[in-house]
Amino acid sequence: MLEITENACKELDAFFDGKERTSIRVYLASGGCSGPRLALALDTPTETDTVFDEKGFSFVINSDLCSAAKAIKVDFSYMGFSVESEIPLAVAGGGCSCCGGCPA
């Protein structure tokens, strides 16, 4: 299941204004100190994807990630897009091992 909020829909409408609406991939990005996080990118669906058509937009998610995440919500605020899953996907302890600058 994928939910797109009205704020996210308005921002995507503005982004695609005058452009062809291509598929939007929800993917698991490495996340530095906070661990992996869900993110968005323009992409073409593959045979291993689940496709959701929501509010005039096509979202693609790897089927394994889709199963693991359960419900996914795409929102937009003054901080930009946020993509959250029903099931937390971050690994315990975060992902910080590079700089030693993170508080323990």
N, C-alpha and C. Protein backbone atom coordinates (compact mmCIF):
# COMPACT_ATOMS: atom_id res chain seq x y z
N MET A 1 0.83 -1.18 0.00
CA MET A 1 0.00 0.00 0.00
C MET A 1 0.88 1.25 0.00
N LEU A 2 0.50 2.23 -0.79
CA LEU A 2 1.23 3.48 -0.86
C LEU A 2 0.25 4.63 -0.71
N GLU A 3 0.60 5.58 0.16
CA GLU A 3 -0.23 6.78 0.36
C GLU A 3 0.61 7.99 -0.03
N ILE A 4 0.02 8.89 -0.79
CA ILE A 4 0.67 10.15 -1.12
C ILE A 4 -0.20 11.27 -0.58
N THR A 5 0.37 12.13 0.24
CA THR A 5 -0.40 13.21 0.85
C THR A 5 -0.69 14.31 -0.17
N GLU A 6 -1.64 15.16 0.17
CA GLU A 6 -1.97 16.29 -0.71
C GLU A 6 -0.77 17.21 -0.91
N ASN A 7 0.01 17.45 0.15
CA ASN A 7 1.20 18.30 0.03
C ASN A 7 2.20 17.71 -0.96
N ALA A 8 2.43 16.40 -0.88
CA ALA A 8 3.35 15.73 -1.80
C ALA A 8 2.80 15.78 -3.22
N CYS A 9 1.51 15.57 -3.36
CA CYS A 9 0.88 15.60 -4.68
C CYS A 9 1.04 16.98 -5.33
N LYS A 10 0.82 18.05 -4.56
CA LYS A 10 0.96 19.41 -5.08
C LYS A 10 2.40 19.67 -5.53
N GLU A 11 3.37 19.22 -4.75
CA GLU A 11 4.77 19.43 -5.10
C GLU A 11 5.15 18.64 -6.35
N LEU A 12 4.66 17.41 -6.47
CA LEU A 12 4.93 16.61 -7.67
C LEU A 12 4.25 17.22 -8.89
N ASP A 13 3.03 17.73 -8.71
CA ASP A 13 2.36 18.43 -9.82
C ASP A 13 3.21 19.60 -10.31
N ALA A 14 3.75 20.38 -9.38
CA ALA A 14 4.58 21.52 -9.74
C ALA A 14 5.87 21.06 -10.43
N PHE A 15 6.48 19.99 -9.93
CA PHE A 15 7.72 19.47 -10.53
C PHE A 15 7.50 19.02 -11.96
N PHE A 16 6.40 18.30 -12.20
CA PHE A 16 6.14 17.75 -13.53
C PHE A 16 5.42 18.73 -14.46
N ASP A 17 5.10 19.93 -14.01
CA ASP A 17 4.38 20.89 -14.84
C ASP A 17 5.16 21.14 -16.14
N GLY A 18 4.53 20.84 -17.25
CA GLY A 18 5.16 21.02 -18.56
C GLY A 18 6.10 19.90 -18.96
N LYS A 19 6.21 18.86 -18.13
CA LYS A 19 7.10 17.73 -18.42
C LYS A 19 6.29 16.44 -18.48
N GLU A 20 6.86 15.46 -19.12
CA GLU A 20 6.25 14.13 -19.12
C GLU A 20 6.36 13.53 -17.71
N ARG A 21 5.28 12.93 -17.24
CA ARG A 21 5.29 12.30 -15.92
C ARG A 21 5.91 10.92 -16.04
N THR A 22 7.12 10.80 -15.52
CA THR A 22 7.81 9.51 -15.52
C THR A 22 7.57 8.82 -14.18
N SER A 23 7.96 7.57 -14.10
CA SER A 23 7.78 6.80 -12.86
C SER A 23 8.70 7.33 -11.77
N ILE A 24 8.20 7.24 -10.54
CA ILE A 24 8.95 7.68 -9.36
C ILE A 24 9.27 6.43 -8.54
N ARG A 25 10.57 6.19 -8.34
CA ARG A 25 10.99 5.03 -7.58
C ARG A 25 11.11 5.38 -6.10
N VAL A 26 10.57 4.50 -5.26
CA VAL A 26 10.82 4.54 -3.82
C VAL A 26 11.90 3.50 -3.58
N TYR A 27 13.02 3.92 -3.00
CA TYR A 27 14.13 2.99 -2.81
C TYR A 27 14.77 3.20 -1.45
N LEU A 28 15.57 2.23 -1.05
CA LEU A 28 16.27 2.28 0.23
C LEU A 28 17.66 2.86 -0.01
N ALA A 29 17.88 4.06 0.52
CA ALA A 29 19.16 4.76 0.35
C ALA A 29 19.98 4.60 1.63
N SER A 30 21.30 4.55 1.46
CA SER A 30 22.15 4.54 2.65
C SER A 30 21.96 5.87 3.35
N GLY A 31 22.03 5.86 4.67
CA GLY A 31 21.63 7.05 5.39
C GLY A 31 22.64 7.64 6.35
N GLY A 32 23.92 7.30 6.26
CA GLY A 32 24.88 7.91 7.16
C GLY A 32 24.58 7.59 8.61
N CYS A 33 24.57 8.60 9.45
CA CYS A 33 24.42 8.41 10.89
C CYS A 33 23.07 7.81 11.28
N SER A 34 22.05 8.08 10.54
CA SER A 34 20.72 7.58 10.91
C SER A 34 20.39 6.24 10.28
N GLY A 35 21.29 5.67 9.52
CA GLY A 35 21.04 4.39 8.89
C GLY A 35 20.27 4.54 7.58
N PRO A 36 19.86 3.43 6.98
CA PRO A 36 19.16 3.49 5.71
C PRO A 36 17.82 4.21 5.85
N ARG A 37 17.40 4.84 4.75
CA ARG A 37 16.12 5.54 4.74
C ARG A 37 15.49 5.39 3.37
N LEU A 38 14.19 5.54 3.31
CA LEU A 38 13.50 5.50 2.03
C LEU A 38 13.64 6.85 1.35
N ALA A 39 13.82 6.82 0.03
CA ALA A 39 14.01 8.04 -0.75
C ALA A 39 13.28 7.90 -2.08
N LEU A 40 13.26 8.99 -2.85
CA LEU A 40 12.58 9.03 -4.15
C LEU A 40 13.57 9.35 -5.26
N ALA A 41 13.34 8.79 -6.45
CA ALA A 41 14.12 9.11 -7.64
C ALA A 41 13.27 8.80 -8.86
N LEU A 42 13.54 9.46 -9.96
CA LEU A 42 12.87 9.13 -11.21
C LEU A 42 13.53 7.89 -11.78
N ASP A 43 12.72 6.93 -12.24
CA ASP A 43 13.27 5.67 -12.71
C ASP A 43 12.24 4.93 -13.55
N THR A 44 12.70 3.93 -14.26
CA THR A 44 11.84 3.08 -15.09
C THR A 44 11.54 1.79 -14.33
N PRO A 45 10.29 1.33 -14.34
CA PRO A 45 9.97 0.07 -13.65
C PRO A 45 10.69 -1.12 -14.28
N THR A 46 10.97 -2.12 -13.45
CA THR A 46 11.56 -3.37 -13.93
C THR A 46 10.61 -4.51 -13.59
N GLU A 47 10.97 -5.69 -14.00
CA GLU A 47 10.10 -6.85 -13.75
C GLU A 47 10.07 -7.26 -12.28
N THR A 48 11.00 -6.74 -11.48
CA THR A 48 11.02 -7.08 -10.05
C THR A 48 10.33 -6.02 -9.20
N ASP A 49 9.61 -5.10 -9.83
CA ASP A 49 8.96 -4.00 -9.12
C ASP A 49 7.47 -4.22 -8.94
N THR A 50 6.94 -3.58 -7.90
CA THR A 50 5.50 -3.42 -7.73
C THR A 50 5.20 -1.98 -8.14
N VAL A 51 4.15 -1.78 -8.91
CA VAL A 51 3.80 -0.45 -9.41
C VAL A 51 2.50 0.00 -8.77
N PHE A 52 2.50 1.24 -8.27
CA PHE A 52 1.31 1.86 -7.70
C PHE A 52 0.98 3.10 -8.50
N ASP A 53 -0.26 3.22 -8.95
CA ASP A 53 -0.73 4.43 -9.60
C ASP A 53 -1.57 5.18 -8.59
N GLU A 54 -1.05 6.32 -8.13
CA GLU A 54 -1.71 7.11 -7.10
C GLU A 54 -1.81 8.56 -7.54
N LYS A 55 -3.03 9.08 -7.58
CA LYS A 55 -3.29 10.50 -7.84
C LYS A 55 -2.59 11.00 -9.10
N GLY A 56 -2.56 10.16 -10.13
CA GLY A 56 -1.96 10.56 -11.40
C GLY A 56 -0.47 10.33 -11.51
N PHE A 57 0.13 9.71 -10.51
CA PHE A 57 1.56 9.43 -10.52
C PHE A 57 1.79 7.93 -10.43
N SER A 58 2.86 7.48 -11.08
CA SER A 58 3.23 6.07 -11.05
C SER A 58 4.45 5.91 -10.15
N PHE A 59 4.30 5.15 -9.07
CA PHE A 59 5.38 4.87 -8.14
C PHE A 59 5.81 3.43 -8.32
N VAL A 60 7.12 3.20 -8.36
CA VAL A 60 7.65 1.84 -8.47
C VAL A 60 8.50 1.53 -7.25
N ILE A 61 8.34 0.31 -6.73
CA ILE A 61 9.08 -0.12 -5.55
C ILE A 61 9.50 -1.56 -5.79
N ASN A 62 10.75 -1.87 -5.50
CA ASN A 62 11.20 -3.25 -5.59
C ASN A 62 10.25 -4.11 -4.76
N SER A 63 9.79 -5.20 -5.31
CA SER A 63 8.78 -6.03 -4.64
C SER A 63 9.23 -6.53 -3.27
N ASP A 64 10.51 -6.88 -3.11
CA ASP A 64 11.01 -7.32 -1.80
C ASP A 64 10.95 -6.18 -0.79
N LEU A 65 11.36 -4.99 -1.20
CA LEU A 65 11.30 -3.82 -0.32
C LEU A 65 9.86 -3.49 0.02
N CYS A 66 8.99 -3.60 -0.95
CA CYS A 66 7.57 -3.33 -0.74
C CYS A 66 6.99 -4.26 0.31
N SER A 67 7.35 -5.53 0.26
CA SER A 67 6.87 -6.50 1.24
C SER A 67 7.42 -6.20 2.63
N ALA A 68 8.69 -5.81 2.70
CA ALA A 68 9.32 -5.54 3.99
C ALA A 68 8.80 -4.26 4.63
N ALA A 69 8.50 -3.26 3.81
CA ALA A 69 8.09 -1.95 4.33
C ALA A 69 6.63 -1.89 4.72
N LYS A 70 5.82 -2.77 4.17
CA LYS A 70 4.36 -2.72 4.36
C LYS A 70 3.82 -1.41 3.79
N ALA A 71 3.05 -0.65 4.56
CA ALA A 71 2.48 0.60 4.07
C ALA A 71 3.57 1.68 3.98
N ILE A 72 3.56 2.45 2.89
CA ILE A 72 4.53 3.52 2.67
C ILE A 72 3.75 4.82 2.48
N LYS A 73 4.24 5.89 3.12
CA LYS A 73 3.60 7.20 3.02
C LYS A 73 4.61 8.21 2.48
N VAL A 74 4.22 8.93 1.41
CA VAL A 74 5.04 9.98 0.83
C VAL A 74 4.41 11.31 1.21
N ASP A 75 5.19 12.19 1.83
CA ASP A 75 4.71 13.49 2.28
C ASP A 75 5.69 14.56 1.84
N PHE A 76 5.28 15.82 1.99
CA PHE A 76 6.15 16.95 1.67
C PHE A 76 5.92 18.05 2.69
N SER A 77 7.02 18.62 3.18
CA SER A 77 6.95 19.75 4.11
C SER A 77 8.05 20.74 3.72
N TYR A 78 8.24 21.77 4.54
CA TYR A 78 9.28 22.75 4.25
C TYR A 78 10.67 22.11 4.23
N MET A 79 10.81 20.92 4.79
CA MET A 79 12.08 20.19 4.79
C MET A 79 12.26 19.33 3.55
N GLY A 80 11.27 19.27 2.68
CA GLY A 80 11.34 18.46 1.47
C GLY A 80 10.47 17.22 1.59
N PHE A 81 10.70 16.27 0.70
CA PHE A 81 9.94 15.03 0.72
C PHE A 81 10.37 14.14 1.87
N SER A 82 9.40 13.45 2.45
CA SER A 82 9.70 12.40 3.42
C SER A 82 8.97 11.15 2.97
N VAL A 83 9.64 10.02 3.13
CA VAL A 83 9.08 8.73 2.76
C VAL A 83 9.22 7.82 3.97
N GLU A 84 8.10 7.39 4.51
CA GLU A 84 8.11 6.59 5.72
C GLU A 84 7.39 5.28 5.48
N SER A 85 7.87 4.25 6.17
CA SER A 85 7.23 2.94 6.06
C SER A 85 6.57 2.58 7.38
N GLU A 86 5.59 1.71 7.29
CA GLU A 86 4.89 1.22 8.47
C GLU A 86 5.86 0.46 9.38
N ILE A 87 6.78 -0.27 8.79
CA ILE A 87 7.77 -1.06 9.51
C ILE A 87 9.10 -0.31 9.47
N PRO A 88 9.73 0.00 10.61
CA PRO A 88 11.03 0.68 10.59
C PRO A 88 12.07 -0.15 9.83
N LEU A 89 12.80 0.51 8.95
CA LEU A 89 13.78 -0.20 8.12
C LEU A 89 15.21 0.06 8.55
N ALA A 90 15.43 0.96 9.50
CA ALA A 90 16.79 1.30 9.93
C ALA A 90 17.40 0.15 10.72
N VAL A 91 18.70 -0.01 10.56
CA VAL A 91 19.41 -1.03 11.32
C VAL A 91 19.72 -0.50 12.71
N ALA A 92 19.77 -1.36 13.68
CA ALA A 92 20.05 -0.94 15.05
C ALA A 92 21.40 -0.25 15.13
N GLY A 93 21.45 0.86 15.85
CA GLY A 93 22.71 1.58 16.03
C GLY A 93 23.01 2.55 14.91
N GLY A 94 22.14 2.67 13.93
CA GLY A 94 22.39 3.61 12.84
C GLY A 94 23.46 3.11 11.91
N GLY A 95 23.89 3.97 11.02
CA GLY A 95 24.85 3.56 10.02
C GLY A 95 26.17 4.30 10.12
N CYS A 96 26.43 5.01 11.22
CA CYS A 96 27.63 5.83 11.31
C CYS A 96 28.85 4.98 11.65
N SER A 97 29.78 4.94 10.73
CA SER A 97 31.06 4.27 11.01
C SER A 97 32.17 5.00 10.29
N CYS A 98 31.85 6.15 9.72
CA CYS A 98 32.81 6.81 8.85
C CYS A 98 33.59 7.94 9.49
N CYS A 99 32.99 8.70 10.37
CA CYS A 99 33.64 9.94 10.77
C CYS A 99 33.96 10.03 12.26
N GLY A 100 33.35 9.24 13.07
CA GLY A 100 33.59 9.31 14.51
C GLY A 100 33.05 10.58 15.14
N GLY A 101 32.30 11.37 14.39
CA GLY A 101 31.78 12.62 14.89
C GLY A 101 30.40 12.51 15.49
N CYS A 102 29.81 11.35 15.46
CA CYS A 102 28.46 11.17 15.99
C CYS A 102 28.53 10.90 17.49
N PRO A 103 27.65 11.53 18.25
CA PRO A 103 27.66 11.24 19.69
C PRO A 103 27.25 9.81 19.96
N ALA A 104 27.85 9.20 20.90
CA ALA A 104 27.56 7.81 21.23
C ALA A 104 26.38 7.72 22.16
